[in-house]
Amino acid sequence: MPRDVDLAWTLQFRFGGARRRRVLRTARDVVDLIAALTDAERRCLHWASTLGAISRAMGSGHAKAALIATEMVENALAVEGWLLAERAADEAPSLLHA
């Protein structure tokens, strides 16, 4: 079984009109989120590619893979309109500096 890895930074989101704020801290959190989506949502390119990135991060355990996966999750949440707080510019390094 692939091991859980921490995301490069914490992501906060809210499903559609839900009041409760949710937090993603680990790859397992993201897997659980994707599992809760409908089949149609999971087939969307942004979620399908995010799941691939999360799988690679869990399989490799490399920091760069976790960084890429975190960026993919952040993008997918933004596409859905669920992302609550953008990260600070200095919170996570860009791939150019990793």
C-alpha atoms as a PDB file:
ATOM      1  CA  MET A   1       0.000   0.000   0.000  1.00  0.00           C
ATOM      2  CA  PRO A   2       1.402   3.443  -0.875  1.00  0.00           C
ATOM      3  CA  ARG A   3       2.414   5.536   2.092  1.00  0.00           C
ATOM      4  CA  ASP A   4       0.717   8.773   3.007  1.00  0.00           C
ATOM      5  CA  VAL A   5       2.690  11.961   2.407  1.00  0.00           C
ATOM      6  CA  ASP A   6       2.149  15.510   3.567  1.00  0.00           C
ATOM      7  CA  LEU A   7       1.064  18.054   1.004  1.00  0.00           C
ATOM      8  CA  ALA A   8       3.531  20.876   0.418  1.00  0.00           C
ATOM      9  CA  TRP A   9       1.078  23.266   2.134  1.00  0.00           C
ATOM     10  CA  THR A  10      -2.373  23.047   3.706  1.00  0.00           C
ATOM     11  CA  LEU A  11      -5.362  23.716   1.461  1.00  0.00           C
ATOM     12  CA  GLN A  12      -8.708  24.969   2.733  1.00  0.00           C
ATOM     13  CA  PHE A  13     -11.879  24.476   0.738  1.00  0.00           C
ATOM     14  CA  ARG A  14     -15.643  24.330   0.912  1.00  0.00           C
ATOM     15  CA  PHE A  15     -17.939  22.220  -1.268  1.00  0.00           C
ATOM     16  CA  GLY A  16     -20.397  24.390  -3.179  1.00  0.00           C
ATOM     17  CA  GLY A  17     -22.826  25.921  -0.687  1.00  0.00           C
ATOM     18  CA  ALA A  18     -21.641  23.951   2.353  1.00  0.00           C
ATOM     19  CA  ARG A  19     -20.934  25.981   5.456  1.00  0.00           C
ATOM     20  CA  ARG A  20     -18.249  23.768   6.902  1.00  0.00           C
ATOM     21  CA  ARG A  21     -14.672  24.529   5.939  1.00  0.00           C
ATOM     22  CA  ARG A  22     -12.516  21.501   5.149  1.00  0.00           C
ATOM     23  CA  VAL A  23      -8.763  21.153   5.214  1.00  0.00           C
ATOM     24  CA  LEU A  24      -6.431  18.981   3.152  1.00  0.00           C
ATOM     25  CA  ARG A  25      -3.078  18.217   4.781  1.00  0.00           C
ATOM     26  CA  THR A  26      -2.062  14.861   3.350  1.00  0.00           C
ATOM     27  CA  ALA A  27      -2.307  12.849   0.161  1.00  0.00           C
ATOM     28  CA  ARG A  28      -4.745  10.510   1.960  1.00  0.00           C
ATOM     29  CA  ASP A  29      -7.029  13.515   2.609  1.00  0.00           C
ATOM     30  CA  VAL A  30      -7.042  14.190  -1.142  1.00  0.00           C
ATOM     31  CA  VAL A  31      -7.748  10.547  -1.985  1.00  0.00           C
ATOM     32  CA  ASP A  32     -10.718  10.636   0.411  1.00  0.00           C
ATOM     33  CA  LEU A  33     -11.980  13.849  -1.214  1.00  0.00           C
ATOM     34  CA  ILE A  34     -11.726  12.410  -4.714  1.00  0.00           C
ATOM     35  CA  ALA A  35     -13.476   9.226  -3.555  1.00  0.00           C
ATOM     36  CA  ALA A  36     -16.399  11.379  -2.343  1.00  0.00           C
ATOM     37  CA  LEU A  37     -16.868  12.941  -5.791  1.00  0.00           C
ATOM     38  CA  THR A  38     -19.388  11.623  -8.284  1.00  0.00           C
ATOM     39  CA  ASP A  39     -18.183   9.465 -11.157  1.00  0.00           C
ATOM     40  CA  ALA A  40     -18.761  12.358 -13.554  1.00  0.00           C
ATOM     41  CA  GLU A  41     -16.678  14.711 -11.388  1.00  0.00           C
ATOM     42  CA  ARG A  42     -13.838  12.178 -11.077  1.00  0.00           C
ATOM     43  CA  ARG A  43     -13.700  11.854 -14.864  1.00  0.00           C
ATOM     44  CA  CYS A  44     -13.033  15.597 -15.285  1.00  0.00           C
ATOM     45  CA  LEU A  45      -9.493  16.227 -16.458  1.00  0.00           C
ATOM     46  CA  HIS A  46      -8.506  18.316 -13.427  1.00  0.00           C
ATOM     47  CA  TRP A  47      -9.509  15.562 -10.959  1.00  0.00           C
ATOM     48  CA  ALA A  48      -8.186  12.670 -13.048  1.00  0.00           C
ATOM     49  CA  SER A  49      -4.790  14.333 -13.429  1.00  0.00           C
ATOM     50  CA  THR A  50      -4.774  15.313  -9.744  1.00  0.00           C
ATOM     51  CA  LEU A  51      -5.353  11.702  -8.737  1.00  0.00           C
ATOM     52  CA  GLY A  52      -2.409  10.653 -10.920  1.00  0.00           C
ATOM     53  CA  ALA A  53      -0.160  13.254  -9.292  1.00  0.00           C
ATOM     54  CA  ILE A  54      -1.264  12.207  -5.800  1.00  0.00           C
ATOM     55  CA  SER A  55      -0.605   8.569  -6.662  1.00  0.00           C
ATOM     56  CA  ARG A  56       2.917   9.417  -7.861  1.00  0.00           C
ATOM     57  CA  ALA A  57       3.608  11.429  -4.699  1.00  0.00           C
ATOM     58  CA  MET A  58       2.425   8.586  -2.481  1.00  0.00           C
ATOM     59  CA  GLY A  59       4.425   6.043  -4.443  1.00  0.00           C
ATOM     60  CA  SER A  60       7.671   7.983  -4.572  1.00  0.00           C
ATOM     61  CA  GLY A  61       7.633   9.983  -1.347  1.00  0.00           C
ATOM     62  CA  HIS A  62       9.758  12.658  -3.038  1.00  0.00           C
ATOM     63  CA  ALA A  63       9.269  16.276  -1.975  1.00  0.00           C
ATOM     64  CA  LYS A  64       9.072  17.466  -5.587  1.00  0.00           C
ATOM     65  CA  ALA A  65       6.282  14.953  -6.317  1.00  0.00           C
ATOM     66  CA  ALA A  66       4.393  16.214  -3.251  1.00  0.00           C
ATOM     67  CA  LEU A  67       4.857  19.800  -4.440  1.00  0.00           C
ATOM     68  CA  ILE A  68       3.489  19.019  -7.906  1.00  0.00           C
ATOM     69  CA  ALA A  69       0.574  17.074  -6.410  1.00  0.00           C
ATOM     70  CA  THR A  70      -0.262  19.950  -4.062  1.00  0.00           C
ATOM     71  CA  GLU A  71      -0.280  22.399  -6.966  1.00  0.00           C
ATOM     72  CA  MET A  72      -2.566  20.040  -8.896  1.00  0.00           C
ATOM     73  CA  VAL A  73      -4.990  19.784  -5.957  1.00  0.00           C
ATOM     74  CA  GLU A  74      -4.981  23.553  -5.508  1.00  0.00           C
ATOM     75  CA  ASN A  75      -5.758  24.001  -9.198  1.00  0.00           C
ATOM     76  CA  ALA A  76      -8.592  21.434  -9.132  1.00  0.00           C
ATOM     77  CA  LEU A  77     -10.163  23.127  -6.111  1.00  0.00           C
ATOM     78  CA  ALA A  78      -9.876  26.509  -7.849  1.00  0.00           C
ATOM     79  CA  VAL A  79     -11.461  25.137 -11.041  1.00  0.00           C
ATOM     80  CA  GLU A  80     -14.413  23.887  -8.972  1.00  0.00           C
ATOM     81  CA  GLY A  81     -14.653  27.216  -7.142  1.00  0.00           C
ATOM     82  CA  TRP A  82     -14.075  25.469  -3.789  1.00  0.00           C
ATOM     83  CA  LEU A  83     -10.675  26.906  -2.845  1.00  0.00           C
ATOM     84  CA  LEU A  84     -11.024  29.272   0.120  1.00  0.00           C
ATOM     85  CA  ALA A  85      -7.634  30.814   0.704  1.00  0.00           C
ATOM     86  CA  GLU A  86      -4.793  31.317  -1.676  1.00  0.00           C
ATOM     87  CA  ARG A  87      -1.426  30.473  -0.177  1.00  0.00           C
ATOM     88  CA  ALA A  88       1.060  33.182   0.635  1.00  0.00           C
ATOM     89  CA  ALA A  89       3.639  33.701  -2.112  1.00  0.00           C
ATOM     90  CA  ASP A  90       6.454  32.591   0.192  1.00  0.00           C
ATOM     91  CA  GLU A  91       4.586  29.595   1.687  1.00  0.00           C
ATOM     92  CA  ALA A  92       5.678  27.168  -1.017  1.00  0.00           C
ATOM     93  CA  PRO A  93       8.552  27.413  -3.482  1.00  0.00           C
ATOM     94  CA  SER A  94       7.835  27.421  -7.159  1.00  0.00           C
ATOM     95  CA  LEU A  95       8.969  24.481  -9.248  1.00  0.00           C
ATOM     96  CA  LEU A  96      11.635  26.683 -10.793  1.00  0.00           C
ATOM     97  CA  HIS A  97      13.323  26.997  -7.401  1.00  0.00           C
ATOM     98  CA  ALA A  98      12.716  23.466  -6.086  1.00  0.00           C
END
